[in-house]
N, C-alpha and C. Protein backbone atom coordinates (compact mmCIF):
# COMPACT_ATOMS: atom_id res chain seq x y z
N MET A 1 31.20 -12.74 0.89
CA MET A 1 29.80 -12.35 0.94
C MET A 1 29.01 -13.14 -0.11
N ILE A 2 27.89 -13.71 0.29
CA ILE A 2 27.06 -14.51 -0.62
C ILE A 2 26.08 -13.59 -1.33
N ARG A 3 26.04 -13.66 -2.65
CA ARG A 3 25.13 -12.85 -3.44
C ARG A 3 23.99 -13.72 -3.95
N TYR A 4 22.77 -13.26 -3.72
CA TYR A 4 21.59 -13.96 -4.20
C TYR A 4 20.91 -13.12 -5.27
N PRO A 5 20.65 -13.68 -6.45
CA PRO A 5 19.83 -12.95 -7.42
C PRO A 5 18.48 -12.62 -6.82
N LEU A 6 17.95 -11.47 -7.17
CA LEU A 6 16.70 -11.01 -6.57
C LEU A 6 15.56 -12.01 -6.71
N HIS A 7 15.49 -12.69 -7.87
CA HIS A 7 14.36 -13.58 -8.09
C HIS A 7 14.46 -14.85 -7.25
N ARG A 8 15.62 -15.06 -6.57
CA ARG A 8 15.76 -16.25 -5.74
C ARG A 8 15.59 -15.94 -4.24
N LEU A 9 15.48 -14.68 -3.89
CA LEU A 9 15.30 -14.35 -2.49
C LEU A 9 13.92 -14.82 -2.03
N PRO A 10 13.84 -15.49 -0.89
CA PRO A 10 12.55 -16.06 -0.45
C PRO A 10 11.48 -15.01 -0.18
N PHE A 11 11.88 -13.80 0.26
CA PHE A 11 10.88 -12.78 0.54
C PHE A 11 10.48 -12.01 -0.71
N PHE A 12 11.19 -12.24 -1.81
CA PHE A 12 10.94 -11.48 -3.03
C PHE A 12 10.03 -12.22 -4.00
N HIS A 13 10.28 -13.51 -4.15
CA HIS A 13 9.56 -14.27 -5.16
C HIS A 13 8.17 -14.67 -4.66
N PRO A 14 7.11 -14.34 -5.39
CA PRO A 14 5.75 -14.66 -4.93
C PRO A 14 5.47 -16.15 -4.86
N LEU A 15 6.30 -16.96 -5.52
CA LEU A 15 6.07 -18.41 -5.52
C LEU A 15 6.98 -19.14 -4.55
N ALA A 16 7.72 -18.38 -3.71
CA ALA A 16 8.64 -19.02 -2.78
C ALA A 16 7.88 -19.94 -1.83
N GLY A 17 8.43 -21.12 -1.59
CA GLY A 17 7.82 -22.06 -0.66
C GLY A 17 6.83 -23.00 -1.32
N ILE A 18 6.54 -22.80 -2.59
CA ILE A 18 5.62 -23.69 -3.30
C ILE A 18 6.43 -24.78 -3.99
N GLU A 19 6.18 -26.02 -3.64
CA GLU A 19 7.00 -27.11 -4.16
C GLU A 19 6.70 -27.41 -5.62
N HIS A 20 5.44 -27.36 -6.00
CA HIS A 20 5.08 -27.73 -7.36
C HIS A 20 4.59 -26.49 -8.11
N VAL A 21 5.43 -26.00 -8.98
CA VAL A 21 5.10 -24.80 -9.76
C VAL A 21 4.91 -25.22 -11.21
N SER A 22 3.84 -24.79 -11.80
CA SER A 22 3.54 -25.18 -13.17
C SER A 22 4.55 -24.58 -14.14
N PRO A 23 4.82 -25.24 -15.28
CA PRO A 23 5.75 -24.71 -16.29
C PRO A 23 5.35 -23.33 -16.77
N SER A 24 4.05 -23.04 -16.80
CA SER A 24 3.60 -21.73 -17.27
C SER A 24 4.09 -20.61 -16.37
N CYS A 25 4.22 -20.88 -15.04
CA CYS A 25 4.73 -19.88 -14.10
C CYS A 25 6.20 -19.60 -14.37
N HIS A 26 6.99 -20.66 -14.65
CA HIS A 26 8.39 -20.47 -14.98
C HIS A 26 8.53 -19.67 -16.28
N LEU A 27 7.67 -19.94 -17.24
CA LEU A 27 7.70 -19.23 -18.51
C LEU A 27 7.39 -17.75 -18.30
N LEU A 28 6.40 -17.47 -17.44
CA LEU A 28 6.04 -16.08 -17.15
C LEU A 28 7.20 -15.36 -16.50
N SER A 29 7.87 -16.02 -15.54
CA SER A 29 9.02 -15.43 -14.86
C SER A 29 10.12 -15.09 -15.86
N LYS A 30 10.35 -16.01 -16.81
CA LYS A 30 11.38 -15.80 -17.82
C LYS A 30 11.03 -14.62 -18.73
N ARG A 31 9.75 -14.52 -19.12
CA ARG A 31 9.32 -13.42 -19.97
C ARG A 31 9.46 -12.09 -19.26
N LEU A 32 9.12 -12.06 -17.96
CA LEU A 32 9.23 -10.82 -17.19
C LEU A 32 10.68 -10.35 -17.13
N LYS A 33 11.59 -11.29 -16.87
CA LYS A 33 12.99 -10.94 -16.79
C LYS A 33 13.52 -10.40 -18.11
N SER A 34 13.07 -10.97 -19.22
CA SER A 34 13.56 -10.54 -20.52
C SER A 34 12.98 -9.19 -20.93
N SER A 35 11.82 -8.80 -20.36
CA SER A 35 11.20 -7.53 -20.74
C SER A 35 11.57 -6.39 -19.82
N LEU A 36 12.15 -6.67 -18.67
CA LEU A 36 12.55 -5.63 -17.73
C LEU A 36 14.03 -5.32 -17.92
N THR A 37 14.33 -4.12 -18.39
CA THR A 37 15.72 -3.79 -18.72
C THR A 37 16.61 -3.68 -17.49
N HIS A 38 16.04 -3.48 -16.31
CA HIS A 38 16.85 -3.36 -15.11
C HIS A 38 17.11 -4.71 -14.42
N ILE A 39 16.64 -5.80 -15.03
CA ILE A 39 16.88 -7.14 -14.49
C ILE A 39 17.69 -7.93 -15.50
N SER A 40 18.85 -8.48 -15.05
CA SER A 40 19.71 -9.25 -15.94
C SER A 40 19.13 -10.64 -16.15
N GLU A 41 19.73 -11.39 -17.05
CA GLU A 41 19.28 -12.76 -17.34
C GLU A 41 19.36 -13.65 -16.10
N SER A 42 20.32 -13.35 -15.21
CA SER A 42 20.47 -14.16 -13.99
C SER A 42 19.55 -13.67 -12.88
N GLY A 43 18.82 -12.60 -13.13
CA GLY A 43 17.89 -12.09 -12.12
C GLY A 43 18.43 -10.99 -11.25
N ASP A 44 19.66 -10.55 -11.52
CA ASP A 44 20.26 -9.47 -10.75
C ASP A 44 19.76 -8.11 -11.22
N ALA A 45 19.65 -7.18 -10.28
CA ALA A 45 19.35 -5.80 -10.64
C ALA A 45 20.62 -5.13 -11.14
N HIS A 46 20.51 -4.33 -12.19
CA HIS A 46 21.69 -3.64 -12.71
C HIS A 46 21.26 -2.36 -13.42
N MET A 47 22.21 -1.43 -13.52
CA MET A 47 21.95 -0.19 -14.24
C MET A 47 22.15 -0.44 -15.73
N VAL A 48 21.19 -0.01 -16.54
CA VAL A 48 21.24 -0.24 -17.98
C VAL A 48 22.40 0.53 -18.60
N ASP A 49 23.12 -0.11 -19.51
CA ASP A 49 24.22 0.53 -20.23
C ASP A 49 23.65 1.39 -21.36
N VAL A 50 23.82 2.71 -21.27
CA VAL A 50 23.29 3.62 -22.29
C VAL A 50 24.40 4.26 -23.10
N SER A 51 25.62 3.72 -22.98
CA SER A 51 26.78 4.36 -23.62
C SER A 51 26.70 4.33 -25.15
N SER A 52 25.94 3.40 -25.72
CA SER A 52 25.85 3.31 -27.18
C SER A 52 24.76 4.22 -27.76
N LYS A 53 23.95 4.83 -26.90
CA LYS A 53 22.88 5.70 -27.38
C LYS A 53 23.39 7.07 -27.76
N GLN A 54 22.76 7.67 -28.78
CA GLN A 54 23.09 9.03 -29.17
C GLN A 54 22.34 10.02 -28.29
N PRO A 55 23.02 11.04 -27.78
CA PRO A 55 22.32 12.05 -26.97
C PRO A 55 21.27 12.79 -27.80
N THR A 56 20.09 12.94 -27.24
CA THR A 56 19.04 13.72 -27.89
C THR A 56 18.40 14.63 -26.83
N VAL A 57 17.72 15.65 -27.31
CA VAL A 57 17.00 16.53 -26.40
C VAL A 57 15.78 15.77 -25.88
N ARG A 58 15.62 15.75 -24.58
CA ARG A 58 14.54 14.99 -23.96
C ARG A 58 13.76 15.88 -23.00
N LEU A 59 12.46 15.65 -22.99
CA LEU A 59 11.57 16.43 -22.13
C LEU A 59 10.56 15.49 -21.50
N ALA A 60 10.26 15.69 -20.24
CA ALA A 60 9.21 14.93 -19.57
C ALA A 60 8.37 15.89 -18.73
N ILE A 61 7.06 15.67 -18.77
CA ILE A 61 6.13 16.46 -17.98
C ILE A 61 5.36 15.52 -17.07
N ALA A 62 5.33 15.83 -15.79
CA ALA A 62 4.60 15.02 -14.82
C ALA A 62 3.64 15.92 -14.04
N ARG A 63 2.57 15.30 -13.56
CA ARG A 63 1.58 16.04 -12.77
C ARG A 63 1.14 15.21 -11.57
N GLY A 64 0.57 15.90 -10.61
CA GLY A 64 -0.01 15.27 -9.43
C GLY A 64 -0.78 16.32 -8.66
N ARG A 65 -1.38 15.91 -7.55
CA ARG A 65 -2.12 16.89 -6.74
C ARG A 65 -2.13 16.50 -5.29
N VAL A 66 -2.35 17.51 -4.46
CA VAL A 66 -2.57 17.31 -3.03
C VAL A 66 -3.98 17.79 -2.73
N ARG A 67 -4.87 16.85 -2.41
CA ARG A 67 -6.24 17.19 -2.02
C ARG A 67 -6.26 17.65 -0.57
N MET A 68 -7.14 18.60 -0.27
CA MET A 68 -7.22 19.15 1.09
C MET A 68 -8.57 19.79 1.32
N ASN A 69 -8.84 20.16 2.56
CA ASN A 69 -10.09 20.84 2.85
C ASN A 69 -9.97 22.33 2.53
N ARG A 70 -11.09 23.00 2.56
CA ARG A 70 -11.15 24.41 2.16
C ARG A 70 -10.32 25.31 3.09
N GLU A 71 -10.35 25.01 4.39
CA GLU A 71 -9.60 25.84 5.34
C GLU A 71 -8.11 25.82 5.05
N THR A 72 -7.58 24.64 4.73
CA THR A 72 -6.15 24.52 4.45
C THR A 72 -5.77 25.31 3.21
N LEU A 73 -6.57 25.19 2.15
CA LEU A 73 -6.27 25.94 0.93
C LEU A 73 -6.35 27.44 1.18
N THR A 74 -7.30 27.87 1.97
CA THR A 74 -7.43 29.30 2.29
C THR A 74 -6.18 29.81 2.99
N GLN A 75 -5.66 29.02 3.92
CA GLN A 75 -4.45 29.44 4.63
C GLN A 75 -3.24 29.48 3.70
N ILE A 76 -3.19 28.57 2.73
CA ILE A 76 -2.10 28.60 1.75
C ILE A 76 -2.20 29.88 0.91
N LYS A 77 -3.39 30.17 0.42
CA LYS A 77 -3.61 31.35 -0.43
C LYS A 77 -3.29 32.65 0.31
N GLN A 78 -3.61 32.70 1.59
CA GLN A 78 -3.40 33.91 2.38
C GLN A 78 -2.05 33.93 3.10
N ASP A 79 -1.21 32.95 2.79
CA ASP A 79 0.13 32.84 3.37
C ASP A 79 0.08 32.86 4.90
N GLN A 80 -0.82 32.05 5.46
CA GLN A 80 -0.99 31.99 6.91
C GLN A 80 -0.43 30.71 7.53
N ILE A 81 0.21 29.86 6.73
CA ILE A 81 0.81 28.64 7.27
C ILE A 81 2.04 29.01 8.07
N LYS A 82 2.13 28.54 9.31
CA LYS A 82 3.18 28.98 10.23
C LYS A 82 4.59 28.66 9.74
N LYS A 83 4.74 27.57 9.00
CA LYS A 83 6.08 27.18 8.55
C LYS A 83 6.63 28.11 7.46
N GLY A 84 5.75 28.86 6.80
CA GLY A 84 6.21 29.77 5.77
C GLY A 84 5.37 29.66 4.51
N ASN A 85 5.87 30.25 3.44
CA ASN A 85 5.16 30.26 2.16
C ASN A 85 5.21 28.86 1.54
N VAL A 86 4.08 28.20 1.52
CA VAL A 86 4.02 26.79 1.13
C VAL A 86 4.49 26.58 -0.30
N LEU A 87 4.00 27.38 -1.22
CA LEU A 87 4.29 27.14 -2.64
C LEU A 87 5.73 27.48 -3.00
N VAL A 88 6.29 28.50 -2.35
CA VAL A 88 7.70 28.84 -2.61
C VAL A 88 8.61 27.71 -2.14
N VAL A 89 8.37 27.22 -0.92
CA VAL A 89 9.20 26.14 -0.38
C VAL A 89 9.02 24.86 -1.19
N ALA A 90 7.76 24.54 -1.56
CA ALA A 90 7.49 23.32 -2.33
C ALA A 90 8.11 23.40 -3.73
N GLN A 91 8.15 24.59 -4.31
CA GLN A 91 8.75 24.75 -5.63
C GLN A 91 10.25 24.44 -5.59
N VAL A 92 10.94 25.02 -4.60
CA VAL A 92 12.37 24.76 -4.46
C VAL A 92 12.61 23.27 -4.16
N ALA A 93 11.78 22.70 -3.29
CA ALA A 93 11.92 21.28 -2.94
C ALA A 93 11.74 20.40 -4.17
N GLY A 94 10.77 20.73 -5.02
CA GLY A 94 10.54 19.96 -6.24
C GLY A 94 11.74 19.99 -7.17
N ILE A 95 12.33 21.16 -7.33
CA ILE A 95 13.52 21.29 -8.18
C ILE A 95 14.67 20.46 -7.60
N MET A 96 14.83 20.53 -6.28
CA MET A 96 15.87 19.72 -5.63
C MET A 96 15.58 18.23 -5.80
N GLY A 97 14.29 17.86 -5.76
CA GLY A 97 13.91 16.47 -5.95
C GLY A 97 14.31 15.93 -7.31
N ALA A 98 14.11 16.75 -8.34
CA ALA A 98 14.51 16.34 -9.69
C ALA A 98 16.02 16.15 -9.77
N LYS A 99 16.77 17.06 -9.17
CA LYS A 99 18.24 17.01 -9.21
C LYS A 99 18.79 15.83 -8.40
N SER A 100 18.03 15.37 -7.41
CA SER A 100 18.50 14.29 -6.52
C SER A 100 17.97 12.92 -6.91
N CYS A 101 17.29 12.82 -8.04
CA CYS A 101 16.58 11.59 -8.40
C CYS A 101 17.48 10.36 -8.36
N SER A 102 18.66 10.45 -8.95
CA SER A 102 19.53 9.27 -9.03
C SER A 102 20.07 8.85 -7.66
N GLN A 103 19.95 9.72 -6.67
CA GLN A 103 20.41 9.37 -5.33
C GLN A 103 19.35 8.63 -4.52
N ILE A 104 18.08 8.75 -4.93
CA ILE A 104 17.01 8.10 -4.16
C ILE A 104 16.34 6.95 -4.92
N ILE A 105 16.48 6.91 -6.25
CA ILE A 105 15.98 5.79 -7.06
C ILE A 105 17.20 5.00 -7.50
N PRO A 106 17.41 3.79 -6.98
CA PRO A 106 18.70 3.11 -7.10
C PRO A 106 19.27 2.95 -8.50
N LEU A 107 18.45 2.65 -9.49
CA LEU A 107 18.99 2.32 -10.82
C LEU A 107 18.84 3.45 -11.83
N CYS A 108 18.50 4.64 -11.37
CA CYS A 108 18.44 5.79 -12.28
C CYS A 108 19.85 6.31 -12.56
N HIS A 109 20.05 6.76 -13.80
CA HIS A 109 21.34 7.34 -14.17
C HIS A 109 21.42 8.79 -13.67
N PRO A 110 22.60 9.20 -13.19
CA PRO A 110 22.79 10.64 -12.92
C PRO A 110 22.70 11.39 -14.25
N ILE A 111 21.85 12.39 -14.31
CA ILE A 111 21.60 13.10 -15.56
C ILE A 111 21.96 14.57 -15.40
N SER A 112 22.59 15.11 -16.43
CA SER A 112 22.88 16.54 -16.45
C SER A 112 21.63 17.28 -16.92
N ILE A 113 20.84 17.73 -15.97
CA ILE A 113 19.56 18.37 -16.28
C ILE A 113 19.80 19.79 -16.79
N ALA A 114 19.12 20.14 -17.88
CA ALA A 114 19.24 21.48 -18.45
C ALA A 114 18.25 22.45 -17.83
N LYS A 115 17.04 21.95 -17.51
CA LYS A 115 16.00 22.83 -16.99
C LYS A 115 14.98 22.05 -16.18
N VAL A 116 14.54 22.64 -15.07
CA VAL A 116 13.44 22.08 -14.26
C VAL A 116 12.48 23.22 -13.93
N THR A 117 11.19 23.00 -14.16
CA THR A 117 10.19 23.95 -13.69
C THR A 117 9.16 23.19 -12.85
N VAL A 118 8.71 23.83 -11.80
CA VAL A 118 7.64 23.28 -10.95
C VAL A 118 6.61 24.38 -10.78
N SER A 119 5.38 24.10 -11.19
CA SER A 119 4.32 25.11 -11.11
C SER A 119 3.10 24.55 -10.39
N PHE A 120 2.25 25.45 -9.92
CA PHE A 120 1.10 25.07 -9.12
C PHE A 120 -0.17 25.75 -9.63
N ALA A 121 -1.30 25.08 -9.43
CA ALA A 121 -2.62 25.65 -9.69
C ALA A 121 -3.50 25.31 -8.49
N LEU A 122 -4.16 26.31 -7.94
CA LEU A 122 -5.00 26.09 -6.77
C LEU A 122 -6.44 25.86 -7.22
N GLN A 123 -6.98 24.71 -6.81
CA GLN A 123 -8.33 24.31 -7.20
C GLN A 123 -9.25 24.40 -5.99
N GLU A 124 -10.28 25.23 -6.08
CA GLU A 124 -11.21 25.41 -4.97
C GLU A 124 -12.58 24.84 -5.33
N GLY A 125 -13.07 23.91 -4.51
CA GLY A 125 -14.38 23.33 -4.73
C GLY A 125 -14.47 22.42 -5.94
N ALA A 126 -13.34 21.87 -6.37
CA ALA A 126 -13.32 21.04 -7.58
C ALA A 126 -13.64 19.58 -7.30
N TYR A 127 -13.64 19.18 -6.03
CA TYR A 127 -13.81 17.78 -5.67
C TYR A 127 -14.85 17.65 -4.56
N PRO A 128 -15.34 16.43 -4.32
CA PRO A 128 -16.33 16.24 -3.25
C PRO A 128 -15.77 16.58 -1.86
N GLU A 129 -16.63 17.04 -0.99
CA GLU A 129 -16.24 17.29 0.41
C GLU A 129 -15.89 15.96 1.08
N PRO A 130 -15.02 15.94 2.09
CA PRO A 130 -14.45 17.11 2.74
C PRO A 130 -13.18 17.65 2.07
N LEU A 131 -12.56 16.86 1.20
CA LEU A 131 -11.32 17.30 0.53
C LEU A 131 -11.68 17.91 -0.82
N SER A 132 -12.38 19.03 -0.77
CA SER A 132 -12.94 19.62 -1.99
C SER A 132 -11.96 20.49 -2.75
N CYS A 133 -10.82 20.76 -2.16
CA CYS A 133 -9.84 21.66 -2.79
C CYS A 133 -8.54 20.91 -3.06
N ALA A 134 -7.67 21.53 -3.83
CA ALA A 134 -6.41 20.86 -4.17
C ALA A 134 -5.35 21.85 -4.61
N VAL A 135 -4.11 21.44 -4.42
CA VAL A 135 -2.97 22.10 -5.06
C VAL A 135 -2.52 21.17 -6.17
N ASP A 136 -2.74 21.59 -7.41
CA ASP A 136 -2.27 20.81 -8.56
C ASP A 136 -0.81 21.17 -8.83
N ILE A 137 -0.02 20.16 -9.14
CA ILE A 137 1.43 20.36 -9.34
C ILE A 137 1.82 19.84 -10.72
N GLU A 138 2.63 20.62 -11.43
CA GLU A 138 3.18 20.17 -12.71
C GLU A 138 4.68 20.44 -12.74
N SER A 139 5.43 19.46 -13.22
CA SER A 139 6.87 19.61 -13.39
C SER A 139 7.26 19.32 -14.83
N GLN A 140 8.17 20.13 -15.35
CA GLN A 140 8.77 19.88 -16.66
C GLN A 140 10.27 19.79 -16.47
N VAL A 141 10.86 18.71 -16.98
CA VAL A 141 12.30 18.50 -16.89
C VAL A 141 12.86 18.28 -18.28
N LYS A 142 13.97 18.94 -18.55
CA LYS A 142 14.57 18.88 -19.89
C LYS A 142 16.07 18.60 -19.78
N CYS A 143 16.58 17.79 -20.71
CA CYS A 143 18.02 17.55 -20.76
C CYS A 143 18.40 17.17 -22.19
N LYS A 144 19.70 17.12 -22.44
CA LYS A 144 20.22 16.52 -23.67
C LYS A 144 21.10 15.36 -23.23
N GLY A 145 20.62 14.14 -23.48
CA GLY A 145 21.35 13.00 -22.98
C GLY A 145 20.93 11.70 -23.60
N GLU A 146 21.44 10.59 -23.04
CA GLU A 146 21.21 9.25 -23.58
C GLU A 146 19.98 8.57 -23.01
N THR A 147 19.42 9.12 -21.97
CA THR A 147 18.25 8.50 -21.35
C THR A 147 17.26 9.56 -20.92
N GLY A 148 16.01 9.14 -20.75
CA GLY A 148 14.93 10.09 -20.50
C GLY A 148 14.91 10.65 -19.09
N VAL A 149 14.03 11.65 -18.90
CA VAL A 149 13.94 12.34 -17.61
C VAL A 149 12.57 12.18 -16.96
N GLU A 150 11.87 11.08 -17.30
CA GLU A 150 10.57 10.84 -16.69
C GLU A 150 10.66 10.71 -15.17
N MET A 151 11.67 9.99 -14.70
CA MET A 151 11.80 9.79 -13.26
C MET A 151 12.12 11.09 -12.54
N GLU A 152 12.88 11.95 -13.20
CA GLU A 152 13.20 13.25 -12.60
C GLU A 152 11.95 14.11 -12.47
N ALA A 153 11.10 14.08 -13.51
CA ALA A 153 9.85 14.84 -13.46
C ALA A 153 8.93 14.30 -12.38
N LEU A 154 8.83 12.97 -12.27
CA LEU A 154 8.02 12.36 -11.23
C LEU A 154 8.56 12.67 -9.84
N SER A 155 9.87 12.67 -9.70
CA SER A 155 10.48 13.00 -8.41
C SER A 155 10.17 14.44 -8.01
N ALA A 156 10.23 15.35 -8.98
CA ALA A 156 9.93 16.75 -8.69
C ALA A 156 8.51 16.93 -8.18
N VAL A 157 7.55 16.30 -8.86
CA VAL A 157 6.15 16.39 -8.43
C VAL A 157 5.95 15.75 -7.07
N SER A 158 6.54 14.57 -6.87
CA SER A 158 6.36 13.84 -5.62
C SER A 158 6.94 14.60 -4.43
N ILE A 159 8.14 15.14 -4.58
CA ILE A 159 8.78 15.86 -3.48
C ILE A 159 8.06 17.18 -3.22
N ALA A 160 7.59 17.84 -4.27
CA ALA A 160 6.81 19.06 -4.07
C ALA A 160 5.52 18.75 -3.31
N ALA A 161 4.86 17.65 -3.67
CA ALA A 161 3.62 17.25 -2.99
C ALA A 161 3.89 16.90 -1.52
N LEU A 162 4.95 16.17 -1.27
CA LEU A 162 5.30 15.83 0.11
C LEU A 162 5.61 17.08 0.93
N THR A 163 6.21 18.06 0.28
CA THR A 163 6.53 19.31 0.98
C THR A 163 5.27 20.09 1.32
N VAL A 164 4.31 20.13 0.38
CA VAL A 164 3.02 20.76 0.69
C VAL A 164 2.39 20.08 1.90
N PHE A 165 2.42 18.76 1.90
CA PHE A 165 1.85 18.00 3.03
C PHE A 165 2.56 18.36 4.33
N ASP A 166 3.89 18.37 4.30
CA ASP A 166 4.67 18.67 5.50
C ASP A 166 4.39 20.08 6.01
N MET A 167 4.31 21.03 5.11
CA MET A 167 4.08 22.42 5.51
C MET A 167 2.71 22.62 6.14
N CYS A 168 1.73 21.82 5.71
CA CYS A 168 0.34 22.05 6.11
C CYS A 168 -0.20 21.04 7.11
N LYS A 169 0.58 20.05 7.49
CA LYS A 169 0.04 18.97 8.31
C LYS A 169 -0.41 19.42 9.70
N ALA A 170 0.10 20.56 10.19
CA ALA A 170 -0.36 21.07 11.48
C ALA A 170 -1.79 21.59 11.38
N VAL A 171 -2.20 22.00 10.17
CA VAL A 171 -3.56 22.50 9.95
C VAL A 171 -4.51 21.34 9.69
N SER A 172 -4.04 20.37 8.88
CA SER A 172 -4.90 19.24 8.51
C SER A 172 -4.05 18.03 8.21
N LYS A 173 -4.43 16.89 8.80
CA LYS A 173 -3.69 15.65 8.55
C LYS A 173 -4.41 14.73 7.58
N ASP A 174 -5.56 15.16 7.07
CA ASP A 174 -6.31 14.28 6.16
C ASP A 174 -6.09 14.64 4.69
N MET A 175 -5.02 15.38 4.41
CA MET A 175 -4.68 15.67 3.01
C MET A 175 -4.35 14.37 2.28
N ARG A 176 -4.49 14.39 0.97
CA ARG A 176 -4.27 13.18 0.18
C ARG A 176 -3.46 13.51 -1.07
N ILE A 177 -2.32 12.83 -1.22
CA ILE A 177 -1.50 12.98 -2.43
C ILE A 177 -1.99 11.95 -3.44
N GLU A 178 -2.30 12.38 -4.65
CA GLU A 178 -2.87 11.45 -5.61
C GLU A 178 -2.54 11.81 -7.05
N ASP A 179 -2.77 10.82 -7.92
CA ASP A 179 -2.71 11.00 -9.37
C ASP A 179 -1.36 11.49 -9.88
N VAL A 180 -0.28 11.05 -9.25
CA VAL A 180 1.06 11.41 -9.72
C VAL A 180 1.39 10.53 -10.92
N ARG A 181 1.69 11.15 -12.05
CA ARG A 181 1.97 10.37 -13.27
C ARG A 181 2.68 11.24 -14.30
N VAL A 182 3.31 10.57 -15.27
CA VAL A 182 3.87 11.26 -16.43
C VAL A 182 2.74 11.51 -17.42
N VAL A 183 2.66 12.72 -17.94
CA VAL A 183 1.60 13.05 -18.89
C VAL A 183 2.14 13.25 -20.31
N GLU A 184 3.45 13.46 -20.42
CA GLU A 184 4.03 13.65 -21.76
C GLU A 184 5.53 13.46 -21.70
N LYS A 185 6.09 12.89 -22.76
CA LYS A 185 7.54 12.80 -22.89
C LYS A 185 7.93 12.93 -24.36
N MET A 186 9.11 13.49 -24.57
CA MET A 186 9.62 13.67 -25.94
C MET A 186 11.10 13.31 -25.97
N GLY A 187 11.54 12.85 -27.14
CA GLY A 187 12.95 12.52 -27.34
C GLY A 187 13.22 11.04 -27.18
N GLY A 188 14.40 10.63 -27.63
CA GLY A 188 14.79 9.23 -27.51
C GLY A 188 14.19 8.36 -28.60
N LYS A 189 14.49 7.07 -28.50
CA LYS A 189 14.07 6.11 -29.52
C LYS A 189 12.55 6.01 -29.65
N SER A 190 11.85 6.11 -28.52
CA SER A 190 10.39 5.96 -28.56
C SER A 190 9.67 7.23 -29.00
N GLY A 191 10.40 8.34 -29.11
CA GLY A 191 9.82 9.55 -29.65
C GLY A 191 8.83 10.24 -28.71
N HIS A 192 7.78 10.78 -29.30
CA HIS A 192 6.81 11.58 -28.54
C HIS A 192 5.68 10.69 -28.03
N TRP A 193 5.36 10.86 -26.75
CA TRP A 193 4.23 10.15 -26.14
C TRP A 193 3.45 11.14 -25.29
N LYS A 194 2.13 11.03 -25.34
CA LYS A 194 1.28 11.91 -24.54
C LYS A 194 0.15 11.12 -23.93
N GLU A 195 -0.18 11.43 -22.70
CA GLU A 195 -1.27 10.77 -22.01
C GLU A 195 -2.58 10.93 -22.78
N SER A 196 -3.31 9.85 -22.94
CA SER A 196 -4.59 9.93 -23.64
C SER A 196 -5.60 10.62 -22.77
N ALA A 197 -6.51 11.32 -23.41
CA ALA A 197 -7.51 12.11 -22.67
C ALA A 197 -8.49 11.20 -21.94
């Protein structure tokens, strides 16, 4: 089997097919490879070796939202969605999403998660019409380990949001998942970080 480094695949490299590439472009490519921990010097994707790191308590908080119209939010609040209780199912799905992160994100380490929480806040009339309402989602993931849990927190929010969409799509197909991001992390070499206001 022939193995091609990712940066040499013709469909991957943005400069593929260009005969004359300036030295500055090669320099940029080299800098990118050296700054991305999941890319080796030869351009191969690999899982980062964290065996030399000391385990520390780590926490990550992620947030996101599902925008929707007023009718859809009303049906969620009144438990009228035919598939079942939207927030209960989405909460369980979010927790499962955090636990399954390393199975769906190729280079994530399997992590022994200590705690996952997924919570919701219903926003009515907070945004312009027609998607004036929203289900806000927050996930907190905690572990004691060699690497952080930001991806697990993001996975929890993303899967919970997708589940809200799936549960409600028969009522409205114009829902919008947006603003999924990490808002805070603690632990590890980089210490505490929080999203700026």
